[in-house]
Amino acid sequence: MNTNNRIKIIAFSFLIGALLLAACAPSGSNQEESLGTIAVGSKDFTEQFIVAEMYAQILEDAGFKVERKLNLGGTPIAHEAILNGDIDLYPEYTSTGLLTVLKLSPIQDAQEIYTTVKENYEEQFNLTWLEPSPFNNTQALAITKETAEEYNISTYSDLSVKAPELILGGPAEFLEREDGIKGLQEAYGGFEFKEVKQLGTGSLRYQALMDGQVDVVVAFGTDGAIKGNDLVVLVDDQVFYPIYNIAPVVRMDSLEEFPQISDLLNELAPLLTDDVMSGLNWQVDGPEGRESAEVAREFLLENDLID
């Protein structure tokens, strides 16, 4: 056999081998499908969008196909969605689970709150809670510095007396929830506002406050707009509000099928502090107006949680 023929045979053999290896190796899409599909939901405000995006992107980076079902609405809608199996997981707050979903009395200790909701969710709903983040997005009431000075308001007790002169803006569910107006009226007395405007939980309530359409807004401890607009958060002097740590609530059957979810999302939990979350929220709600998914991705890359 001459040299040219030998070279051709060797080259042909390499080509056949390469083709066989390519045929046997699983494709990227098959690998993704083999891990399964996870539906991630969220409620209807910035912090939920960011945290849910973090969950989704971490799971995608690990090889899962993720269906995003964000902006579902308030707590009852998100809870019903996970009960029905429309979503596999979503970010929830421990005291929201305790007070609004389970209808239990407030608890002041963060670990006791977490243990209580975890045990009750598992027993009643076949849902469980993964590790909570340290930030406390407790419900709050905020006003401008000008309003604080004009009406001499710095505490909830002050506001309970001055409420008939003021307009409150906040989500519709604040009127009915146990940790809303009804609870405040029971704890403090008063809190009979001149008017209540339903403004949702997004940035519109802060715009309404800054424009003078309302005098007081329902706020949350890690809202970026508090820092961005230099607002006054009133002191809860009777300690009405408990601690609201965030954590993934997950269907137990989904976790049984995909146990990797736990380790993947628990790695994120300790990184989300008050300062971190408030800063991330302001990147979206502030003048930069960045997309939640972009902010989430940048944070995850900086902390080596995704490639």
C-alpha atoms as a PDB file:
ATOM      1  CA  MET A   1       0.000   0.000   0.000  1.00  0.00           C
ATOM      2  CA  ASN A   2       1.446   3.361  -0.926  1.00  0.00           C
ATOM      3  CA  THR A   3       1.807   6.237   1.522  1.00  0.00           C
ATOM      4  CA  ASN A   4      -1.079   8.302   0.106  1.00  0.00           C
ATOM      5  CA  ASN A   5      -3.570   5.435   0.490  1.00  0.00           C
ATOM      6  CA  ARG A   6      -2.374   4.746   4.040  1.00  0.00           C
ATOM      7  CA  ILE A   7      -2.916   8.407   4.981  1.00  0.00           C
ATOM      8  CA  LYS A   8      -6.405   8.334   3.481  1.00  0.00           C
ATOM      9  CA  ILE A   9      -7.345   5.198   5.441  1.00  0.00           C
ATOM     10  CA  ILE A  10      -6.072   6.667   8.732  1.00  0.00           C
ATOM     11  CA  ALA A  11      -7.936   9.925   8.135  1.00  0.00           C
ATOM     12  CA  PHE A  12     -11.121   8.019   7.280  1.00  0.00           C
ATOM     13  CA  SER A  13     -10.797   5.981  10.479  1.00  0.00           C
ATOM     14  CA  PHE A  14     -10.467   9.130  12.586  1.00  0.00           C
ATOM     15  CA  LEU A  15     -13.528  10.621  10.867  1.00  0.00           C
ATOM     16  CA  ILE A  16     -15.646   7.506  11.573  1.00  0.00           C
ATOM     17  CA  GLY A  17     -14.500   7.481  15.205  1.00  0.00           C
ATOM     18  CA  ALA A  18     -15.374  11.128  15.683  1.00  0.00           C
ATOM     19  CA  LEU A  19     -18.820  10.585  14.198  1.00  0.00           C
ATOM     20  CA  LEU A  20     -19.468   7.615  16.463  1.00  0.00           C
ATOM     21  CA  LEU A  21     -18.423   9.590  19.553  1.00  0.00           C
ATOM     22  CA  ALA A  22     -20.669  12.467  18.557  1.00  0.00           C
ATOM     23  CA  ALA A  23     -23.591  10.105  18.060  1.00  0.00           C
ATOM     24  CA  CYS A  24     -23.098   8.490  21.480  1.00  0.00           C
ATOM     25  CA  ALA A  25     -22.571  11.713  23.464  1.00  0.00           C
ATOM     26  CA  PRO A  26     -25.720  13.338  24.845  1.00  0.00           C
ATOM     27  CA  SER A  27     -26.539  16.730  23.405  1.00  0.00           C
ATOM     28  CA  GLY A  28     -26.832  19.825  25.569  1.00  0.00           C
ATOM     29  CA  SER A  29     -30.624  19.936  25.105  1.00  0.00           C
ATOM     30  CA  ASN A  30     -30.970  16.317  26.143  1.00  0.00           C
ATOM     31  CA  GLN A  31     -28.905  16.982  29.242  1.00  0.00           C
ATOM     32  CA  GLU A  32     -31.139  19.897  30.135  1.00  0.00           C
ATOM     33  CA  GLU A  33     -34.299  17.880  29.586  1.00  0.00           C
ATOM     34  CA  SER A  34     -32.948  14.994  31.638  1.00  0.00           C
ATOM     35  CA  LEU A  35     -32.724  17.247  34.722  1.00  0.00           C
ATOM     36  CA  GLY A  36     -36.362  18.244  34.400  1.00  0.00           C
ATOM     37  CA  THR A  37     -38.499  21.369  34.383  1.00  0.00           C
ATOM     38  CA  ILE A  38     -39.128  23.565  37.407  1.00  0.00           C
ATOM     39  CA  ALA A  39     -41.758  26.321  37.526  1.00  0.00           C
ATOM     40  CA  VAL A  40     -40.666  29.340  39.589  1.00  0.00           C
ATOM     41  CA  GLY A  41     -43.262  31.880  40.663  1.00  0.00           C
ATOM     42  CA  SER A  42     -43.279  35.224  42.443  1.00  0.00           C
ATOM     43  CA  LYS A  43     -45.615  37.806  43.874  1.00  0.00           C
ATOM     44  CA  ASP A  44     -46.043  41.219  42.305  1.00  0.00           C
ATOM     45  CA  PHE A  45     -43.279  43.557  43.453  1.00  0.00           C
ATOM     46  CA  THR A  46     -39.631  44.298  42.739  1.00  0.00           C
ATOM     47  CA  GLU A  47     -37.977  42.303  45.517  1.00  0.00           C
ATOM     48  CA  GLN A  48     -39.965  39.228  44.583  1.00  0.00           C
ATOM     49  CA  PHE A  49     -38.966  39.609  40.936  1.00  0.00           C
ATOM     50  CA  ILE A  50     -35.272  39.873  41.819  1.00  0.00           C
ATOM     51  CA  VAL A  51     -35.195  36.969  44.275  1.00  0.00           C
ATOM     52  CA  ALA A  52     -37.326  34.724  42.041  1.00  0.00           C
ATOM     53  CA  GLU A  53     -34.985  35.511  39.148  1.00  0.00           C
ATOM     54  CA  MET A  54     -32.050  34.471  41.317  1.00  0.00           C
ATOM     55  CA  TYR A  55     -33.752  31.161  42.036  1.00  0.00           C
ATOM     56  CA  ALA A  56     -34.527  30.663  38.356  1.00  0.00           C
ATOM     57  CA  GLN A  57     -31.043  31.536  37.113  1.00  0.00           C
ATOM     58  CA  ILE A  58     -29.308  29.332  39.685  1.00  0.00           C
ATOM     59  CA  LEU A  59     -31.486  26.396  38.660  1.00  0.00           C
ATOM     60  CA  GLU A  60     -30.923  27.076  34.956  1.00  0.00           C
ATOM     61  CA  ASP A  61     -27.180  27.250  35.484  1.00  0.00           C
ATOM     62  CA  ALA A  62     -27.354  23.833  37.138  1.00  0.00           C
ATOM     63  CA  GLY A  63     -29.060  22.388  34.054  1.00  0.00           C
ATOM     64  CA  PHE A  64     -32.769  22.653  34.770  1.00  0.00           C
ATOM     65  CA  LYS A  65     -35.307  24.076  32.372  1.00  0.00           C
ATOM     66  CA  VAL A  66     -37.135  26.834  34.239  1.00  0.00           C
ATOM     67  CA  GLU A  67     -40.624  28.113  33.553  1.00  0.00           C
ATOM     68  CA  ARG A  68     -41.009  31.615  34.954  1.00  0.00           C
ATOM     69  CA  LYS A  69     -44.427  32.470  36.331  1.00  0.00           C
ATOM     70  CA  LEU A  70     -43.596  35.786  37.901  1.00  0.00           C
ATOM     71  CA  ASN A  71     -45.901  38.622  38.944  1.00  0.00           C
ATOM     72  CA  LEU A  72     -48.700  36.266  39.992  1.00  0.00           C
ATOM     73  CA  GLY A  73     -50.256  38.735  42.423  1.00  0.00           C
ATOM     74  CA  GLY A  74     -50.537  38.836  46.192  1.00  0.00           C
ATOM     75  CA  THR A  75     -50.014  36.145  48.799  1.00  0.00           C
ATOM     76  CA  PRO A  76     -53.318  34.259  48.334  1.00  0.00           C
ATOM     77  CA  ILE A  77     -52.748  33.888  44.592  1.00  0.00           C
ATOM     78  CA  ALA A  78     -49.132  32.727  44.936  1.00  0.00           C
ATOM     79  CA  HIS A  79     -50.064  30.278  47.684  1.00  0.00           C
ATOM     80  CA  GLU A  80     -52.934  28.854  45.638  1.00  0.00           C
ATOM     81  CA  ALA A  81     -50.649  28.486  42.628  1.00  0.00           C
ATOM     82  CA  ILE A  82     -48.139  26.340  44.518  1.00  0.00           C
ATOM     83  CA  LEU A  83     -50.885  24.289  46.162  1.00  0.00           C
ATOM     84  CA  ASN A  84     -52.378  23.567  42.735  1.00  0.00           C
ATOM     85  CA  GLY A  85     -49.008  22.602  41.271  1.00  0.00           C
ATOM     86  CA  ASP A  86     -48.956  25.532  38.851  1.00  0.00           C
ATOM     87  CA  ILE A  87     -45.548  26.404  40.301  1.00  0.00           C
ATOM     88  CA  ASP A  88     -42.947  24.327  42.143  1.00  0.00           C
ATOM     89  CA  LEU A  89     -41.519  27.089  44.296  1.00  0.00           C
ATOM     90  CA  TYR A  90     -41.593  30.803  45.029  1.00  0.00           C
ATOM     91  CA  PRO A  91     -40.045  33.241  47.545  1.00  0.00           C
ATOM     92  CA  GLU A  92     -42.163  33.823  50.645  1.00  0.00           C
ATOM     93  CA  TYR A  93     -41.740  35.659  53.940  1.00  0.00           C
ATOM     94  CA  THR A  94     -41.805  33.729  57.196  1.00  0.00           C
ATOM     95  CA  SER A  95     -44.273  35.924  59.066  1.00  0.00           C
ATOM     96  CA  THR A  96     -46.512  36.200  56.024  1.00  0.00           C
ATOM     97  CA  GLY A  97     -46.745  32.426  56.127  1.00  0.00           C
ATOM     98  CA  LEU A  98     -47.349  32.539  59.865  1.00  0.00           C
ATOM     99  CA  LEU A  99     -49.989  35.287  59.972  1.00  0.00           C
ATOM    100  CA  THR A 100     -51.655  35.370  56.580  1.00  0.00           C
ATOM    101  CA  VAL A 101     -51.540  31.748  55.446  1.00  0.00           C
ATOM    102  CA  LEU A 102     -51.591  29.802  58.719  1.00  0.00           C
ATOM    103  CA  LYS A 103     -53.636  32.410  60.622  1.00  0.00           C
ATOM    104  CA  LEU A 104     -51.463  31.974  63.718  1.00  0.00           C
ATOM    105  CA  SER A 105     -50.514  34.574  66.318  1.00  0.00           C
ATOM    106  CA  PRO A 106     -47.369  36.706  65.876  1.00  0.00           C
ATOM    107  CA  ILE A 107     -44.055  35.344  67.154  1.00  0.00           C
ATOM    108  CA  GLN A 108     -41.096  37.615  67.862  1.00  0.00           C
ATOM    109  CA  ASP A 109     -38.232  35.101  67.599  1.00  0.00           C
ATOM    110  CA  ALA A 110     -37.017  34.547  64.020  1.00  0.00           C
ATOM    111  CA  GLN A 111     -36.022  30.907  64.491  1.00  0.00           C
ATOM    112  CA  GLU A 112     -39.311  30.049  66.180  1.00  0.00           C
ATOM    113  CA  ILE A 113     -41.235  31.679  63.335  1.00  0.00           C
ATOM    114  CA  TYR A 114     -39.286  29.652  60.794  1.00  0.00           C
ATOM    115  CA  THR A 115     -39.684  26.367  62.655  1.00  0.00           C
ATOM    116  CA  THR A 116     -43.417  26.957  63.085  1.00  0.00           C
ATOM    117  CA  VAL A 117     -44.121  27.715  59.435  1.00  0.00           C
ATOM    118  CA  LYS A 118     -41.905  24.901  58.184  1.00  0.00           C
ATOM    119  CA  GLU A 119     -43.605  22.275  60.358  1.00  0.00           C
ATOM    120  CA  ASN A 120     -47.118  23.502  59.628  1.00  0.00           C
ATOM    121  CA  TYR A 121     -46.585  23.859  55.883  1.00  0.00           C
ATOM    122  CA  GLU A 122     -45.256  20.307  55.708  1.00  0.00           C
ATOM    123  CA  GLU A 123     -48.168  18.909  57.702  1.00  0.00           C
ATOM    124  CA  GLN A 124     -50.979  20.919  56.129  1.00  0.00           C
ATOM    125  CA  PHE A 125     -49.902  21.638  52.569  1.00  0.00           C
ATOM    126  CA  ASN A 126     -47.142  19.176  51.623  1.00  0.00           C
ATOM    127  CA  LEU A 127     -44.906  22.225  51.163  1.00  0.00           C
ATOM    128  CA  THR A 128     -41.607  22.996  52.872  1.00  0.00           C
ATOM    129  CA  TRP A 129     -39.321  25.968  53.488  1.00  0.00           C
ATOM    130  CA  LEU A 130     -35.639  25.999  52.555  1.00  0.00           C
ATOM    131  CA  GLU A 131     -33.051  28.072  54.435  1.00  0.00           C
ATOM    132  CA  PRO A 132     -34.121  31.702  55.099  1.00  0.00           C
ATOM    133  CA  SER A 133     -32.077  34.765  54.234  1.00  0.00           C
ATOM    134  CA  PRO A 134     -31.050  37.112  57.076  1.00  0.00           C
ATOM    135  CA  PHE A 135     -32.672  40.258  55.711  1.00  0.00           C
ATOM    136  CA  ASN A 136     -35.862  41.350  57.447  1.00  0.00           C
ATOM    137  CA  ASN A 137     -38.382  42.808  55.056  1.00  0.00           C
ATOM    138  CA  THR A 138     -40.774  43.659  57.820  1.00  0.00           C
ATOM    139  CA  GLN A 139     -43.821  45.671  56.946  1.00  0.00           C
ATOM    140  CA  ALA A 140     -43.485  49.343  57.773  1.00  0.00           C
ATOM    141  CA  LEU A 141     -45.069  52.742  57.319  1.00  0.00           C
ATOM    142  CA  ALA A 142     -43.121  55.564  55.707  1.00  0.00           C
ATOM    143  CA  ILE A 143     -43.644  59.301  55.282  1.00  0.00           C
ATOM    144  CA  THR A 144     -41.650  62.195  53.919  1.00  0.00           C
ATOM    145  CA  LYS A 145     -39.494  64.288  56.240  1.00  0.00           C
ATOM    146  CA  GLU A 146     -41.766  67.250  55.541  1.00  0.00           C
ATOM    147  CA  THR A 147     -44.860  65.352  56.713  1.00  0.00           C
ATOM    148  CA  ALA A 148     -43.030  64.062  59.773  1.00  0.00           C
ATOM    149  CA  GLU A 149     -42.113  67.620  60.780  1.00  0.00           C
ATOM    150  CA  GLU A 150     -45.491  69.175  59.936  1.00  0.00           C
ATOM    151  CA  TYR A 151     -47.519  66.664  61.966  1.00  0.00           C
ATOM    152  CA  ASN A 152     -44.830  65.825  64.545  1.00  0.00           C
ATOM    153  CA  ILE A 153     -44.958  62.121  63.697  1.00  0.00           C
ATOM    154  CA  SER A 154     -42.137  59.689  64.388  1.00  0.00           C
ATOM    155  CA  THR A 155     -43.872  56.604  65.818  1.00  0.00           C
ATOM    156  CA  TYR A 156     -46.877  54.415  65.110  1.00  0.00           C
ATOM    157  CA  SER A 157     -48.515  55.807  68.251  1.00  0.00           C
ATOM    158  CA  ASP A 158     -48.162  59.322  66.802  1.00  0.00           C
ATOM    159  CA  LEU A 159     -49.656  58.191  63.509  1.00  0.00           C
ATOM    160  CA  SER A 160     -52.579  56.406  65.163  1.00  0.00           C
ATOM    161  CA  VAL A 161     -53.716  59.797  66.532  1.00  0.00           C
ATOM    162  CA  LYS A 162     -52.987  61.865  63.404  1.00  0.00           C
ATOM    163  CA  ALA A 163     -54.449  59.326  60.920  1.00  0.00           C
ATOM    164  CA  PRO A 164     -57.808  61.161  60.443  1.00  0.00           C
ATOM    165  CA  GLU A 165     -55.875  64.048  58.871  1.00  0.00           C
ATOM    166  CA  LEU A 166     -53.879  61.871  56.482  1.00  0.00           C
ATOM    167  CA  ILE A 167     -54.279  59.714  53.363  1.00  0.00           C
ATOM    168  CA  LEU A 168     -52.759  56.229  53.327  1.00  0.00           C
ATOM    169  CA  GLY A 169     -51.572  54.464  50.178  1.00  0.00           C
ATOM    170  CA  GLY A 170     -50.939  50.725  49.950  1.00  0.00           C
ATOM    171  CA  PRO A 171     -52.009  47.354  48.570  1.00  0.00           C
ATOM    172  CA  ALA A 172     -55.632  46.228  48.769  1.00  0.00           C
ATOM    173  CA  GLU A 173     -54.763  43.260  50.964  1.00  0.00           C
ATOM    174  CA  PHE A 174     -53.407  45.633  53.638  1.00  0.00           C
ATOM    175  CA  LEU A 175     -57.009  46.502  54.469  1.00  0.00           C
ATOM    176  CA  GLU A 176     -57.858  42.890  55.291  1.00  0.00           C
ATOM    177  CA  ARG A 177     -54.678  41.155  56.399  1.00  0.00           C
ATOM    178  CA  GLU A 178     -54.038  40.374  60.037  1.00  0.00           C
ATOM    179  CA  ASP A 179     -50.822  42.398  59.821  1.00  0.00           C
ATOM    180  CA  GLY A 180     -52.575  45.323  58.151  1.00  0.00           C
ATOM    181  CA  ILE A 181     -54.898  48.088  59.347  1.00  0.00           C
ATOM    182  CA  LYS A 182     -57.094  45.750  61.388  1.00  0.00           C
ATOM    183  CA  GLY A 183     -54.153  44.529  63.419  1.00  0.00           C
ATOM    184  CA  LEU A 184     -52.771  48.036  63.881  1.00  0.00           C
ATOM    185  CA  GLN A 185     -56.149  49.269  65.095  1.00  0.00           C
ATOM    186  CA  GLU A 186     -56.276  46.485  67.649  1.00  0.00           C
ATOM    187  CA  ALA A 187     -52.696  47.036  68.840  1.00  0.00           C
ATOM    188  CA  TYR A 188     -52.621  50.845  68.872  1.00  0.00           C
ATOM    189  CA  GLY A 189     -56.173  52.092  68.587  1.00  0.00           C
ATOM    190  CA  GLY A 190     -56.924  54.860  66.087  1.00  0.00           C
ATOM    191  CA  PHE A 191     -55.515  54.314  62.607  1.00  0.00           C
ATOM    192  CA  GLU A 192     -58.743  55.655  61.075  1.00  0.00           C
ATOM    193  CA  PHE A 193     -57.347  57.376  57.990  1.00  0.00           C
ATOM    194  CA  LYS A 194     -59.090  60.188  56.155  1.00  0.00           C
ATOM    195  CA  GLU A 195     -58.810  58.085  52.990  1.00  0.00           C
ATOM    196  CA  VAL A 196     -57.109  54.899  51.838  1.00  0.00           C
ATOM    197  CA  LYS A 197     -55.908  54.647  48.233  1.00  0.00           C
ATOM    198  CA  GLN A 198     -55.177  51.216  46.792  1.00  0.00           C
ATOM    199  CA  LEU A 199     -51.800  51.576  45.098  1.00  0.00           C
ATOM    200  CA  GLY A 200     -50.426  48.034  45.004  1.00  0.00           C
ATOM    201  CA  THR A 201     -46.995  47.103  46.251  1.00  0.00           C
ATOM    202  CA  GLY A 202     -44.898  48.494  43.407  1.00  0.00           C
ATOM    203  CA  SER A 203     -43.160  51.826  42.884  1.00  0.00           C
ATOM    204  CA  LEU A 204     -46.410  53.718  42.218  1.00  0.00           C
ATOM    205  CA  ARG A 205     -47.066  54.106  45.944  1.00  0.00           C
ATOM    206  CA  TYR A 206     -43.746  55.925  46.396  1.00  0.00           C
ATOM    207  CA  GLN A 207     -44.426  58.120  43.381  1.00  0.00           C
ATOM    208  CA  ALA A 208     -47.818  58.966  44.863  1.00  0.00           C
ATOM    209  CA  LEU A 209     -46.137  59.853  48.166  1.00  0.00           C
ATOM    210  CA  MET A 210     -43.533  62.080  46.536  1.00  0.00           C
ATOM    211  CA  ASP A 211     -46.238  63.754  44.400  1.00  0.00           C
ATOM    212  CA  GLY A 212     -48.381  64.495  47.466  1.00  0.00           C
ATOM    213  CA  GLN A 213     -51.286  62.249  46.452  1.00  0.00           C
ATOM    214  CA  VAL A 214     -50.917  60.325  49.728  1.00  0.00           C
ATOM    215  CA  ASP A 215     -49.297  61.198  53.039  1.00  0.00           C
ATOM    216  CA  VAL A 216     -48.326  57.736  54.312  1.00  0.00           C
ATOM    217  CA  VAL A 217     -47.366  54.589  52.415  1.00  0.00           C
ATOM    218  CA  VAL A 218     -47.229  50.952  53.333  1.00  0.00           C
ATOM    219  CA  ALA A 219     -43.557  50.100  52.981  1.00  0.00           C
ATOM    220  CA  PHE A 220     -41.243  47.148  53.438  1.00  0.00           C
ATOM    221  CA  GLY A 221     -37.955  47.170  55.306  1.00  0.00           C
ATOM    222  CA  THR A 222     -35.748  46.556  52.281  1.00  0.00           C
ATOM    223  CA  ASP A 223     -37.499  48.849  49.800  1.00  0.00           C
ATOM    224  CA  GLY A 224     -34.853  50.690  47.826  1.00  0.00           C
ATOM    225  CA  ALA A 225     -37.082  53.749  47.524  1.00  0.00           C
ATOM    226  CA  ILE A 226     -36.826  54.426  51.262  1.00  0.00           C
ATOM    227  CA  LYS A 227     -33.129  55.097  50.992  1.00  0.00           C
ATOM    228  CA  GLY A 228     -33.398  56.611  47.535  1.00  0.00           C
ATOM    229  CA  ASN A 229     -36.048  59.171  48.533  1.00  0.00           C
ATOM    230  CA  ASP A 230     -34.705  59.851  52.036  1.00  0.00           C
ATOM    231  CA  LEU A 231     -37.987  58.852  53.680  1.00  0.00           C
ATOM    232  CA  VAL A 232     -38.782  58.468  57.363  1.00  0.00           C
ATOM    233  CA  VAL A 233     -39.696  54.962  58.495  1.00  0.00           C
ATOM    234  CA  LEU A 234     -41.941  55.285  61.540  1.00  0.00           C
ATOM    235  CA  VAL A 235     -40.915  53.517  64.743  1.00  0.00           C
ATOM    236  CA  ASP A 236     -43.120  50.543  65.613  1.00  0.00           C
ATOM    237  CA  ASP A 237     -43.055  51.484  69.294  1.00  0.00           C
ATOM    238  CA  GLN A 238     -45.438  48.702  70.391  1.00  0.00           C
ATOM    239  CA  VAL A 239     -43.444  46.151  68.332  1.00  0.00           C
ATOM    240  CA  PHE A 240     -46.494  45.090  66.356  1.00  0.00           C
ATOM    241  CA  TYR A 241     -44.632  43.681  63.369  1.00  0.00           C
ATOM    242  CA  PRO A 242     -42.647  40.467  63.669  1.00  0.00           C
ATOM    243  CA  ILE A 243     -39.676  39.413  61.549  1.00  0.00           C
ATOM    244  CA  TYR A 244     -40.094  38.733  57.853  1.00  0.00           C
ATOM    245  CA  ASN A 245     -37.209  36.633  56.509  1.00  0.00           C
ATOM    246  CA  ILE A 246     -37.474  35.376  52.940  1.00  0.00           C
ATOM    247  CA  ALA A 247     -37.003  31.761  51.882  1.00  0.00           C
ATOM    248  CA  PRO A 248     -38.017  29.470  49.025  1.00  0.00           C
ATOM    249  CA  VAL A 249     -41.276  27.640  49.642  1.00  0.00           C
ATOM    250  CA  VAL A 250     -41.132  24.392  47.665  1.00  0.00           C
ATOM    251  CA  ARG A 251     -43.539  21.586  46.872  1.00  0.00           C
ATOM    252  CA  MET A 252     -42.299  18.508  48.716  1.00  0.00           C
ATOM    253  CA  ASP A 253     -43.000  16.244  45.754  1.00  0.00           C
ATOM    254  CA  SER A 254     -40.872  18.549  43.561  1.00  0.00           C
ATOM    255  CA  LEU A 255     -38.062  18.437  46.118  1.00  0.00           C
ATOM    256  CA  GLU A 256     -38.293  14.661  46.283  1.00  0.00           C
ATOM    257  CA  GLU A 257     -37.973  14.484  42.497  1.00  0.00           C
ATOM    258  CA  PHE A 258     -35.214  17.103  42.328  1.00  0.00           C
ATOM    259  CA  PRO A 259     -33.337  17.089  45.670  1.00  0.00           C
ATOM    260  CA  GLN A 260     -30.601  19.279  44.134  1.00  0.00           C
ATOM    261  CA  ILE A 261     -32.924  22.265  44.551  1.00  0.00           C
ATOM    262  CA  SER A 262     -32.198  22.423  48.272  1.00  0.00           C
ATOM    263  CA  ASP A 263     -28.405  22.701  48.085  1.00  0.00           C
ATOM    264  CA  LEU A 264     -28.501  25.064  45.120  1.00  0.00           C
ATOM    265  CA  LEU A 265     -30.848  27.620  46.676  1.00  0.00           C
ATOM    266  CA  ASN A 266     -29.537  27.299  50.241  1.00  0.00           C
ATOM    267  CA  GLU A 267     -26.159  28.537  48.997  1.00  0.00           C
ATOM    268  CA  LEU A 268     -27.770  31.855  48.072  1.00  0.00           C
ATOM    269  CA  ALA A 269     -29.617  32.379  51.357  1.00  0.00           C
ATOM    270  CA  PRO A 270     -26.891  33.847  53.636  1.00  0.00           C
ATOM    271  CA  LEU A 271     -25.800  36.422  51.060  1.00  0.00           C
ATOM    272  CA  LEU A 272     -29.064  38.378  51.080  1.00  0.00           C
ATOM    273  CA  THR A 273     -28.707  40.883  53.913  1.00  0.00           C
ATOM    274  CA  ASP A 274     -30.725  44.058  54.553  1.00  0.00           C
ATOM    275  CA  ASP A 275     -28.167  46.317  52.869  1.00  0.00           C
ATOM    276  CA  VAL A 276     -27.671  44.003  49.911  1.00  0.00           C
ATOM    277  CA  MET A 277     -31.372  43.603  49.224  1.00  0.00           C
ATOM    278  CA  SER A 278     -32.184  47.270  49.616  1.00  0.00           C
ATOM    279  CA  GLY A 279     -29.390  48.134  47.188  1.00  0.00           C
ATOM    280  CA  LEU A 280     -30.565  45.588  44.638  1.00  0.00           C
ATOM    281  CA  ASN A 281     -34.128  46.871  44.889  1.00  0.00           C
ATOM    282  CA  TRP A 282     -32.986  50.449  44.307  1.00  0.00           C
ATOM    283  CA  GLN A 283     -31.115  49.455  41.157  1.00  0.00           C
ATOM    284  CA  VAL A 284     -34.480  48.451  39.721  1.00  0.00           C
ATOM    285  CA  ASP A 285     -36.790  51.033  41.310  1.00  0.00           C
ATOM    286  CA  GLY A 286     -34.374  53.958  41.280  1.00  0.00           C
ATOM    287  CA  PRO A 287     -33.208  56.243  38.454  1.00  0.00           C
ATOM    288  CA  GLU A 288     -31.181  53.463  36.828  1.00  0.00           C
ATOM    289  CA  GLY A 289     -34.362  51.517  36.191  1.00  0.00           C
ATOM    290  CA  ARG A 290     -32.546  48.279  35.493  1.00  0.00           C
ATOM    291  CA  GLU A 291     -34.275  45.010  34.716  1.00  0.00           C
ATOM    292  CA  SER A 292     -34.750  42.600  37.626  1.00  0.00           C
ATOM    293  CA  ALA A 293     -33.235  39.720  35.673  1.00  0.00           C
ATOM    294  CA  GLU A 294     -30.119  41.766  34.850  1.00  0.00           C
ATOM    295  CA  VAL A 295     -29.636  42.846  38.476  1.00  0.00           C
ATOM    296  CA  ALA A 296     -30.099  39.273  39.679  1.00  0.00           C
ATOM    297  CA  ARG A 297     -27.623  37.895  37.148  1.00  0.00           C
ATOM    298  CA  GLU A 298     -24.950  40.447  37.994  1.00  0.00           C
ATOM    299  CA  PHE A 299     -25.234  39.641  41.696  1.00  0.00           C
ATOM    300  CA  LEU A 300     -25.042  35.891  41.097  1.00  0.00           C
ATOM    301  CA  LEU A 301     -21.985  36.266  38.855  1.00  0.00           C
ATOM    302  CA  GLU A 302     -20.221  38.484  41.395  1.00  0.00           C
ATOM    303  CA  ASN A 303     -20.787  35.864  44.075  1.00  0.00           C
ATOM    304  CA  ASP A 304     -19.812  32.880  41.900  1.00  0.00           C
ATOM    305  CA  LEU A 305     -23.248  31.291  42.110  1.00  0.00           C
ATOM    306  CA  ILE A 306     -23.548  30.924  38.346  1.00  0.00           C
ATOM    307  CA  ASP A 307     -21.044  30.760  35.488  1.00  0.00           C
END
